[in-house]
Amino acid sequence: ATLHVLGDSLFDWVDDDAAEVETYVLAQHRI
């Protein structure tokens, strides 16, 4: 099983149709 949890996303807009987005993630993988 896995569980992905997202944190904040920071948007840097290139133009109206493009954005560079940095998103924090914590993922847990069960064995």
PDB file of all heavy atoms in Angstrom:
ATOM      1  N   ALA A   1       0.855  -1.182   0.000  1.00  0.00           N
ATOM      2  CA  ALA A   1       0.000   0.000   0.000  1.00  0.00           C
ATOM      3  C   ALA A   1       0.892   1.233   0.000  1.00  0.00           C
ATOM      4  O   ALA A   1       2.039   1.185   0.457  1.00  0.00           O
ATOM      5  CB  ALA A   1      -0.930   0.027   1.211  1.00  0.00           C
ATOM      6  N   THR A   2       0.371   2.341  -0.517  1.00  0.00           N
ATOM      7  CA  THR A   2       1.084   3.617  -0.460  1.00  0.00           C
ATOM      8  C   THR A   2       0.102   4.716  -0.076  1.00  0.00           C
ATOM      9  O   THR A   2      -1.109   4.588  -0.272  1.00  0.00           O
ATOM     10  CB  THR A   2       1.737   3.978  -1.816  1.00  0.00           C
ATOM     11  OG1 THR A   2       0.718   4.070  -2.830  1.00  0.00           O
ATOM     12  CG2 THR A   2       2.774   2.949  -2.220  1.00  0.00           C
ATOM     13  N   LEU A   3       0.652   5.798   0.450  1.00  0.00           N
ATOM     14  CA  LEU A   3      -0.153   6.949   0.843  1.00  0.00           C
ATOM     15  C   LEU A   3       0.648   8.209   0.553  1.00  0.00           C
ATOM     16  O   LEU A   3       1.666   8.457   1.187  1.00  0.00           O
ATOM     17  CB  LEU A   3      -0.516   6.874   2.331  1.00  0.00           C
ATOM     18  CG  LEU A   3      -1.490   7.934   2.851  1.00  0.00           C
ATOM     19  CD1 LEU A   3      -2.874   7.729   2.241  1.00  0.00           C
ATOM     20  CD2 LEU A   3      -1.584   7.887   4.362  1.00  0.00           C
ATOM     21  N   HIS A   4       0.186   8.997  -0.428  1.00  0.00           N
ATOM     22  CA  HIS A   4       0.847  10.241  -0.811  1.00  0.00           C
ATOM     23  C   HIS A   4       0.048  11.420  -0.271  1.00  0.00           C
ATOM     24  O   HIS A   4      -1.158  11.522  -0.514  1.00  0.00           O
ATOM     25  CB  HIS A   4       0.961  10.349  -2.331  1.00  0.00           C
ATOM     26  CG  HIS A   4       1.988   9.433  -2.928  1.00  0.00           C
ATOM     27  ND1 HIS A   4       1.855   8.060  -2.910  1.00  0.00           N
ATOM     28  CD2 HIS A   4       3.169   9.706  -3.554  1.00  0.00           C
ATOM     29  CE1 HIS A   4       2.910   7.515  -3.505  1.00  0.00           C
ATOM     30  NE2 HIS A   4       3.714   8.484  -3.904  1.00  0.00           N
ATOM     31  N   VAL A   5       0.705  12.288   0.468  1.00  0.00           N
ATOM     32  CA  VAL A   5       0.067  13.465   1.058  1.00  0.00           C
ATOM     33  C   VAL A   5       0.798  14.707   0.565  1.00  0.00           C
ATOM     34  O   VAL A   5       2.024  14.815   0.705  1.00  0.00           O
ATOM     35  CB  VAL A   5       0.102  13.417   2.598  1.00  0.00           C
ATOM     36  CG1 VAL A   5      -0.548  14.656   3.188  1.00  0.00           C
ATOM     37  CG2 VAL A   5      -0.589  12.156   3.110  1.00  0.00           C
ATOM     38  N   LEU A   6       0.055  15.646  -0.014  1.00  0.00           N
ATOM     39  CA  LEU A   6       0.649  16.865  -0.550  1.00  0.00           C
ATOM     40  C   LEU A   6       0.670  17.969   0.497  1.00  0.00           C
ATOM     41  O   LEU A   6      -0.258  18.117   1.296  1.00  0.00           O
ATOM     42  CB  LEU A   6      -0.132  17.355  -1.768  1.00  0.00           C
ATOM     43  CG  LEU A   6      -0.167  16.427  -2.972  1.00  0.00           C
ATOM     44  CD1 LEU A   6      -0.950  17.072  -4.101  1.00  0.00           C
ATOM     45  CD2 LEU A   6       1.241  16.071  -3.432  1.00  0.00           C
ATOM     46  N   GLY A   7       1.743  18.764   0.460  1.00  0.00           N
ATOM     47  CA  GLY A   7       1.830  19.976   1.266  1.00  0.00           C
ATOM     48  C   GLY A   7       1.518  21.190   0.414  1.00  0.00           C
ATOM     49  O   GLY A   7       0.694  21.142  -0.504  1.00  0.00           O
ATOM     50  N   ASP A   8       2.198  22.274   0.692  1.00  0.00           N
ATOM     51  CA  ASP A   8       1.951  23.526  -0.022  1.00  0.00           C
ATOM     52  C   ASP A   8       2.418  23.436  -1.467  1.00  0.00           C
ATOM     53  O   ASP A   8       3.365  22.723  -1.798  1.00  0.00           O
ATOM     54  CB  ASP A   8       2.677  24.678   0.666  1.00  0.00           C
ATOM     55  CG  ASP A   8       2.144  24.948   2.065  1.00  0.00           C
ATOM     56  OD1 ASP A   8       0.958  24.652   2.292  1.00  0.00           O
ATOM     57  OD2 ASP A   8       2.911  25.414   2.912  1.00  0.00           O
ATOM     58  N   SER A   9       1.742  24.193  -2.319  1.00  0.00           N
ATOM     59  CA  SER A   9       2.164  24.382  -3.704  1.00  0.00           C
ATOM     60  C   SER A   9       2.471  25.863  -3.911  1.00  0.00           C
ATOM     61  O   SER A   9       1.673  26.726  -3.538  1.00  0.00           O
ATOM     62  CB  SER A   9       1.073  23.945  -4.691  1.00  0.00           C
ATOM     63  OG  SER A   9       0.870  22.560  -4.657  1.00  0.00           O
ATOM     64  N   LEU A  10       3.622  26.135  -4.506  1.00  0.00           N
ATOM     65  CA  LEU A  10       4.021  27.511  -4.816  1.00  0.00           C
ATOM     66  C   LEU A  10       4.008  27.676  -6.326  1.00  0.00           C
ATOM     67  O   LEU A  10       4.666  26.922  -7.050  1.00  0.00           O
ATOM     68  CB  LEU A  10       5.416  27.795  -4.265  1.00  0.00           C
ATOM     69  CG  LEU A  10       5.940  29.222  -4.445  1.00  0.00           C
ATOM     70  CD1 LEU A  10       5.060  30.212  -3.683  1.00  0.00           C
ATOM     71  CD2 LEU A  10       7.390  29.322  -3.984  1.00  0.00           C
ATOM     72  N   PHE A  11       3.248  28.663  -6.799  1.00  0.00           N
ATOM     73  CA  PHE A  11       3.058  28.888  -8.227  1.00  0.00           C
ATOM     74  C   PHE A  11       3.897  30.070  -8.689  1.00  0.00           C
ATOM     75  O   PHE A  11       3.792  31.173  -8.136  1.00  0.00           O
ATOM     76  CB  PHE A  11       1.591  29.190  -8.531  1.00  0.00           C
ATOM     77  CG  PHE A  11       0.666  28.022  -8.303  1.00  0.00           C
ATOM     78  CD1 PHE A  11       0.251  27.681  -7.015  1.00  0.00           C
ATOM     79  CD2 PHE A  11       0.204  27.267  -9.365  1.00  0.00           C
ATOM     80  CE1 PHE A  11      -0.597  26.611  -6.795  1.00  0.00           C
ATOM     81  CE2 PHE A  11      -0.653  26.197  -9.155  1.00  0.00           C
ATOM     82  CZ  PHE A  11      -1.055  25.869  -7.866  1.00  0.00           C
ATOM     83  N   ASP A  12       4.717  29.854  -9.705  1.00  0.00           N
ATOM     84  CA  ASP A  12       5.441  30.925 -10.391  1.00  0.00           C
ATOM     85  C   ASP A  12       4.956  30.934 -11.836  1.00  0.00           C
ATOM     86  O   ASP A  12       5.242  30.007 -12.611  1.00  0.00           O
ATOM     87  CB  ASP A  12       6.954  30.701 -10.340  1.00  0.00           C
ATOM     88  CG  ASP A  12       7.518  30.890  -8.940  1.00  0.00           C
ATOM     89  OD1 ASP A  12       7.064  31.823  -8.250  1.00  0.00           O
ATOM     90  OD2 ASP A  12       8.393  30.103  -8.533  1.00  0.00           O
ATOM     91  N   TRP A  13       4.226  31.979 -12.180  1.00  0.00           N
ATOM     92  CA  TRP A  13       3.583  32.012 -13.495  1.00  0.00           C
ATOM     93  C   TRP A  13       4.560  32.478 -14.564  1.00  0.00           C
ATOM     94  O   TRP A  13       5.190  33.523 -14.424  1.00  0.00           O
ATOM     95  CB  TRP A  13       2.355  32.902 -13.452  1.00  0.00           C
ATOM     96  CG  TRP A  13       1.254  32.245 -12.684  1.00  0.00           C
ATOM     97  CD1 TRP A  13       0.987  32.364 -11.360  1.00  0.00           C
ATOM     98  CD2 TRP A  13       0.312  31.302 -13.195  1.00  0.00           C
ATOM     99  NE1 TRP A  13      -0.071  31.552 -11.003  1.00  0.00           N
ATOM    100  CE2 TRP A  13      -0.513  30.895 -12.106  1.00  0.00           C
ATOM    101  CE3 TRP A  13       0.069  30.771 -14.469  1.00  0.00           C
ATOM    102  CZ2 TRP A  13      -1.543  29.984 -12.256  1.00  0.00           C
ATOM    103  CZ3 TRP A  13      -0.962  29.857 -14.619  1.00  0.00           C
ATOM    104  CH2 TRP A  13      -1.749  29.474 -13.532  1.00  0.00           C
ATOM    105  N   VAL A  14       4.663  31.699 -15.611  1.00  0.00           N
ATOM    106  CA  VAL A  14       5.493  32.067 -16.768  1.00  0.00           C
ATOM    107  C   VAL A  14       4.688  32.989 -17.677  1.00  0.00           C
ATOM    108  O   VAL A  14       5.161  34.032 -18.113  1.00  0.00           O
ATOM    109  CB  VAL A  14       5.936  30.802 -17.535  1.00  0.00           C
ATOM    110  CG1 VAL A  14       6.749  31.184 -18.770  1.00  0.00           C
ATOM    111  CG2 VAL A  14       6.731  29.874 -16.622  1.00  0.00           C
ATOM    112  N   ASP A  15       3.465  32.596 -17.977  1.00  0.00           N
ATOM    113  CA  ASP A  15       2.502  33.411 -18.713  1.00  0.00           C
ATOM    114  C   ASP A  15       1.122  32.854 -18.394  1.00  0.00           C
ATOM    115  O   ASP A  15       0.973  32.040 -17.476  1.00  0.00           O
ATOM    116  CB  ASP A  15       2.793  33.435 -20.225  1.00  0.00           C
ATOM    117  CG  ASP A  15       2.880  32.041 -20.832  1.00  0.00           C
ATOM    118  OD1 ASP A  15       2.067  31.165 -20.445  1.00  0.00           O
ATOM    119  OD2 ASP A  15       3.767  31.803 -21.676  1.00  0.00           O
ATOM    120  N   ASP A  16       0.114  33.272 -19.139  1.00  0.00           N
ATOM    121  CA  ASP A  16      -1.244  32.841 -18.814  1.00  0.00           C
ATOM    122  C   ASP A  16      -1.455  31.348 -19.000  1.00  0.00           C
ATOM    123  O   ASP A  16      -2.387  30.777 -18.437  1.00  0.00           O
ATOM    124  CB  ASP A  16      -2.256  33.604 -19.683  1.00  0.00           C
ATOM    125  CG  ASP A  16      -2.394  35.060 -19.257  1.00  0.00           C
ATOM    126  OD1 ASP A  16      -1.976  35.383 -18.127  1.00  0.00           O
ATOM    127  OD2 ASP A  16      -2.909  35.859 -20.069  1.00  0.00           O
ATOM    128  N   ASP A  17      -0.606  30.699 -19.790  1.00  0.00           N
ATOM    129  CA  ASP A  17      -0.801  29.290 -20.107  1.00  0.00           C
ATOM    130  C   ASP A  17       0.346  28.400 -19.642  1.00  0.00           C
ATOM    131  O   ASP A  17       0.467  27.260 -20.108  1.00  0.00           O
ATOM    132  CB  ASP A  17      -0.993  29.113 -21.621  1.00  0.00           C
ATOM    133  CG  ASP A  17      -2.268  29.782 -22.110  1.00  0.00           C
ATOM    134  OD1 ASP A  17      -3.319  29.593 -21.480  1.00  0.00           O
ATOM    135  OD2 ASP A  17      -2.206  30.517 -23.123  1.00  0.00           O
ATOM    136  N   ALA A  18       1.172  28.880 -18.732  1.00  0.00           N
ATOM    137  CA  ALA A  18       2.282  28.070 -18.224  1.00  0.00           C
ATOM    138  C   ALA A  18       2.658  28.543 -16.826  1.00  0.00           C
ATOM    139  O   ALA A  18       2.688  29.740 -16.544  1.00  0.00           O
ATOM    140  CB  ALA A  18       3.495  28.164 -19.148  1.00  0.00           C
ATOM    141  N   ALA A  19       2.925  27.571 -15.955  1.00  0.00           N
ATOM    142  CA  ALA A  19       3.329  27.878 -14.580  1.00  0.00           C
ATOM    143  C   ALA A  19       4.325  26.837 -14.107  1.00  0.00           C
ATOM    144  O   ALA A  19       4.214  25.655 -14.440  1.00  0.00           O
ATOM    145  CB  ALA A  19       2.116  27.895 -13.649  1.00  0.00           C
ATOM    146  N   GLU A  20       5.320  27.303 -13.360  1.00  0.00           N
ATOM    147  CA  GLU A  20       6.237  26.398 -12.684  1.00  0.00           C
ATOM    148  C   GLU A  20       5.753  26.265 -11.239  1.00  0.00           C
ATOM    149  O   GLU A  20       5.592  27.260 -10.539  1.00  0.00           O
ATOM    150  CB  GLU A  20       7.665  26.929 -12.762  1.00  0.00           C
ATOM    151  CG  GLU A  20       8.191  26.943 -14.194  1.00  0.00           C
ATOM    152  CD  GLU A  20       9.642  27.349 -14.287  1.00  0.00           C
ATOM    153  OE1 GLU A  20      10.208  27.769 -13.262  1.00  0.00           O
ATOM    154  OE2 GLU A  20      10.204  27.243 -15.391  1.00  0.00           O
ATOM    155  N   VAL A  21       5.519  25.014 -10.822  1.00  0.00           N
ATOM    156  CA  VAL A  21       4.847  24.748  -9.552  1.00  0.00           C
ATOM    157  C   VAL A  21       5.710  23.822  -8.706  1.00  0.00           C
ATOM    158  O   VAL A  21       6.085  22.735  -9.154  1.00  0.00           O
ATOM    159  CB  VAL A  21       3.459  24.114  -9.781  1.00  0.00           C
ATOM    160  CG1 VAL A  21       2.728  23.948  -8.454  1.00  0.00           C
ATOM    161  CG2 VAL A  21       2.632  24.954 -10.754  1.00  0.00           C
ATOM    162  N   GLU A  22       6.020  24.255  -7.494  1.00  0.00           N
ATOM    163  CA  GLU A  22       6.768  23.447  -6.534  1.00  0.00           C
ATOM    164  C   GLU A  22       5.793  22.977  -5.461  1.00  0.00           C
ATOM    165  O   GLU A  22       5.142  23.789  -4.807  1.00  0.00           O
ATOM    166  CB  GLU A  22       7.886  24.261  -5.900  1.00  0.00           C
ATOM    167  CG  GLU A  22       8.667  23.501  -4.837  1.00  0.00           C
ATOM    168  CD  GLU A  22       9.637  24.408  -4.075  1.00  0.00           C
ATOM    169  OE1 GLU A  22       9.139  25.371  -3.438  1.00  0.00           O
ATOM    170  OE2 GLU A  22      10.842  24.165  -4.133  1.00  0.00           O
ATOM    171  N   THR A  23       5.709  21.648  -5.265  1.00  0.00           N
ATOM    172  CA  THR A  23       4.767  21.073  -4.314  1.00  0.00           C
ATOM    173  C   THR A  23       5.491  20.116  -3.381  1.00  0.00           C
ATOM    174  O   THR A  23       6.210  19.225  -3.839  1.00  0.00           O
ATOM    175  CB  THR A  23       3.645  20.311  -5.047  1.00  0.00           C
ATOM    176  OG1 THR A  23       2.990  21.187  -5.968  1.00  0.00           O
ATOM    177  CG2 THR A  23       2.629  19.772  -4.048  1.00  0.00           C
ATOM    178  N   TYR A  24       5.292  20.308  -2.093  1.00  0.00           N
ATOM    179  CA  TYR A  24       5.884  19.405  -1.100  1.00  0.00           C
ATOM    180  C   TYR A  24       5.057  18.120  -1.023  1.00  0.00           C
ATOM    181  O   TYR A  24       3.824  18.150  -1.128  1.00  0.00           O
ATOM    182  CB  TYR A  24       5.931  20.083   0.266  1.00  0.00           C
ATOM    183  CG  TYR A  24       7.031  21.110   0.384  1.00  0.00           C
ATOM    184  CD1 TYR A  24       6.917  22.360  -0.235  1.00  0.00           C
ATOM    185  CD2 TYR A  24       8.193  20.826   1.087  1.00  0.00           C
ATOM    186  CE1 TYR A  24       7.935  23.293  -0.143  1.00  0.00           C
ATOM    187  CE2 TYR A  24       9.215  21.756   1.191  1.00  0.00           C
ATOM    188  CZ  TYR A  24       9.080  22.990   0.569  1.00  0.00           C
ATOM    189  OH  TYR A  24      10.084  23.913   0.653  1.00  0.00           O
ATOM    190  N   VAL A  25       5.744  16.988  -0.820  1.00  0.00           N
ATOM    191  CA  VAL A  25       5.059  15.700  -0.756  1.00  0.00           C
ATOM    192  C   VAL A  25       5.678  14.822   0.320  1.00  0.00           C
ATOM    193  O   VAL A  25       6.896  14.811   0.507  1.00  0.00           O
ATOM    194  CB  VAL A  25       5.097  14.971  -2.119  1.00  0.00           C
ATOM    195  CG1 VAL A  25       6.532  14.723  -2.571  1.00  0.00           C
ATOM    196  CG2 VAL A  25       4.313  13.667  -2.071  1.00  0.00           C
ATOM    197  N   LEU A  26       4.820  14.126   1.052  1.00  0.00           N
ATOM    198  CA  LEU A  26       5.227  13.066   1.969  1.00  0.00           C
ATOM    199  C   LEU A  26       4.564  11.783   1.473  1.00  0.00           C
ATOM    200  O   LEU A  26       3.343  11.736   1.308  1.00  0.00           O
ATOM    201  CB  LEU A  26       4.784  13.357   3.401  1.00  0.00           C
ATOM    202  CG  LEU A  26       5.452  14.545   4.092  1.00  0.00           C
ATOM    203  CD1 LEU A  26       4.803  14.785   5.457  1.00  0.00           C
ATOM    204  CD2 LEU A  26       6.948  14.305   4.262  1.00  0.00           C
ATOM    205  N   ALA A  27       5.364  10.753   1.241  1.00  0.00           N
ATOM    206  CA  ALA A  27       4.833   9.488   0.735  1.00  0.00           C
ATOM    207  C   ALA A  27       5.265   8.357   1.654  1.00  0.00           C
ATOM    208  O   ALA A  27       6.419   8.306   2.085  1.00  0.00           O
ATOM    209  CB  ALA A  27       5.318   9.233  -0.687  1.00  0.00           C
ATOM    210  N   GLN A  28       4.321   7.472   1.947  1.00  0.00           N
ATOM    211  CA  GLN A  28       4.610   6.305   2.775  1.00  0.00           C
ATOM    212  C   GLN A  28       4.268   5.050   1.980  1.00  0.00           C
ATOM    213  O   GLN A  28       3.208   4.967   1.351  1.00  0.00           O
ATOM    214  CB  GLN A  28       3.796   6.356   4.072  1.00  0.00           C
ATOM    215  CG  GLN A  28       4.109   7.593   4.908  1.00  0.00           C
ATOM    216  CD  GLN A  28       3.377   7.584   6.236  1.00  0.00           C
ATOM    217  OE1 GLN A  28       3.698   6.829   7.142  1.00  0.00           O
ATOM    218  NE2 GLN A  28       2.360   8.435   6.339  1.00  0.00           N
ATOM    219  N   HIS A  29       5.189   4.088   2.030  1.00  0.00           N
ATOM    220  CA  HIS A  29       5.060   2.858   1.265  1.00  0.00           C
ATOM    221  C   HIS A  29       5.098   1.681   2.246  1.00  0.00           C
ATOM    222  O   HIS A  29       6.118   1.468   2.904  1.00  0.00           O
ATOM    223  CB  HIS A  29       6.200   2.727   0.256  1.00  0.00           C
ATOM    224  CG  HIS A  29       6.391   3.930  -0.622  1.00  0.00           C
ATOM    225  ND1 HIS A  29       6.876   5.131  -0.132  1.00  0.00           N
ATOM    226  CD2 HIS A  29       6.163   4.110  -1.947  1.00  0.00           C
ATOM    227  CE1 HIS A  29       6.940   6.004  -1.131  1.00  0.00           C
ATOM    228  NE2 HIS A  29       6.512   5.411  -2.235  1.00  0.00           N
ATOM    229  N   ARG A  30       3.999   0.931   2.332  1.00  0.00           N
ATOM    230  CA  ARG A  30       3.901  -0.144   3.311  1.00  0.00           C
ATOM    231  C   ARG A  30       4.323  -1.483   2.707  1.00  0.00           C
ATOM    232  O   ARG A  30       3.926  -1.826   1.590  1.00  0.00           O
ATOM    233  CB  ARG A  30       2.466  -0.264   3.819  1.00  0.00           C
ATOM    234  CG  ARG A  30       2.324  -1.121   5.080  1.00  0.00           C
ATOM    235  CD  ARG A  30       0.877  -1.406   5.396  1.00  0.00           C
ATOM    236  NE  ARG A  30       0.355  -2.523   4.608  1.00  0.00           N
ATOM    237  CZ  ARG A  30      -0.885  -2.594   4.121  1.00  0.00           C
ATOM    238  NH1 ARG A  30      -1.715  -1.592   4.300  1.00  0.00           N
ATOM    239  NH2 ARG A  30      -1.283  -3.651   3.439  1.00  0.00           N
ATOM    240  N   ILE A  31       5.103  -2.210   3.473  1.00  0.00           N
ATOM    241  CA  ILE A  31       5.516  -3.560   3.102  1.00  0.00           C
ATOM    242  C   ILE A  31       5.050  -4.497   4.215  1.00  0.00           C
ATOM    243  O   ILE A  31       5.311  -4.249   5.401  1.00  0.00           O
ATOM    244  CB  ILE A  31       7.049  -3.649   2.939  1.00  0.00           C
ATOM    245  CG1 ILE A  31       7.522  -2.655   1.877  1.00  0.00           C
ATOM    246  CG2 ILE A  31       7.478  -5.062   2.585  1.00  0.00           C
ATOM    247  CD1 ILE A  31       9.031  -2.513   1.800  1.00  0.00           C
TER     248      ILE A  31
END
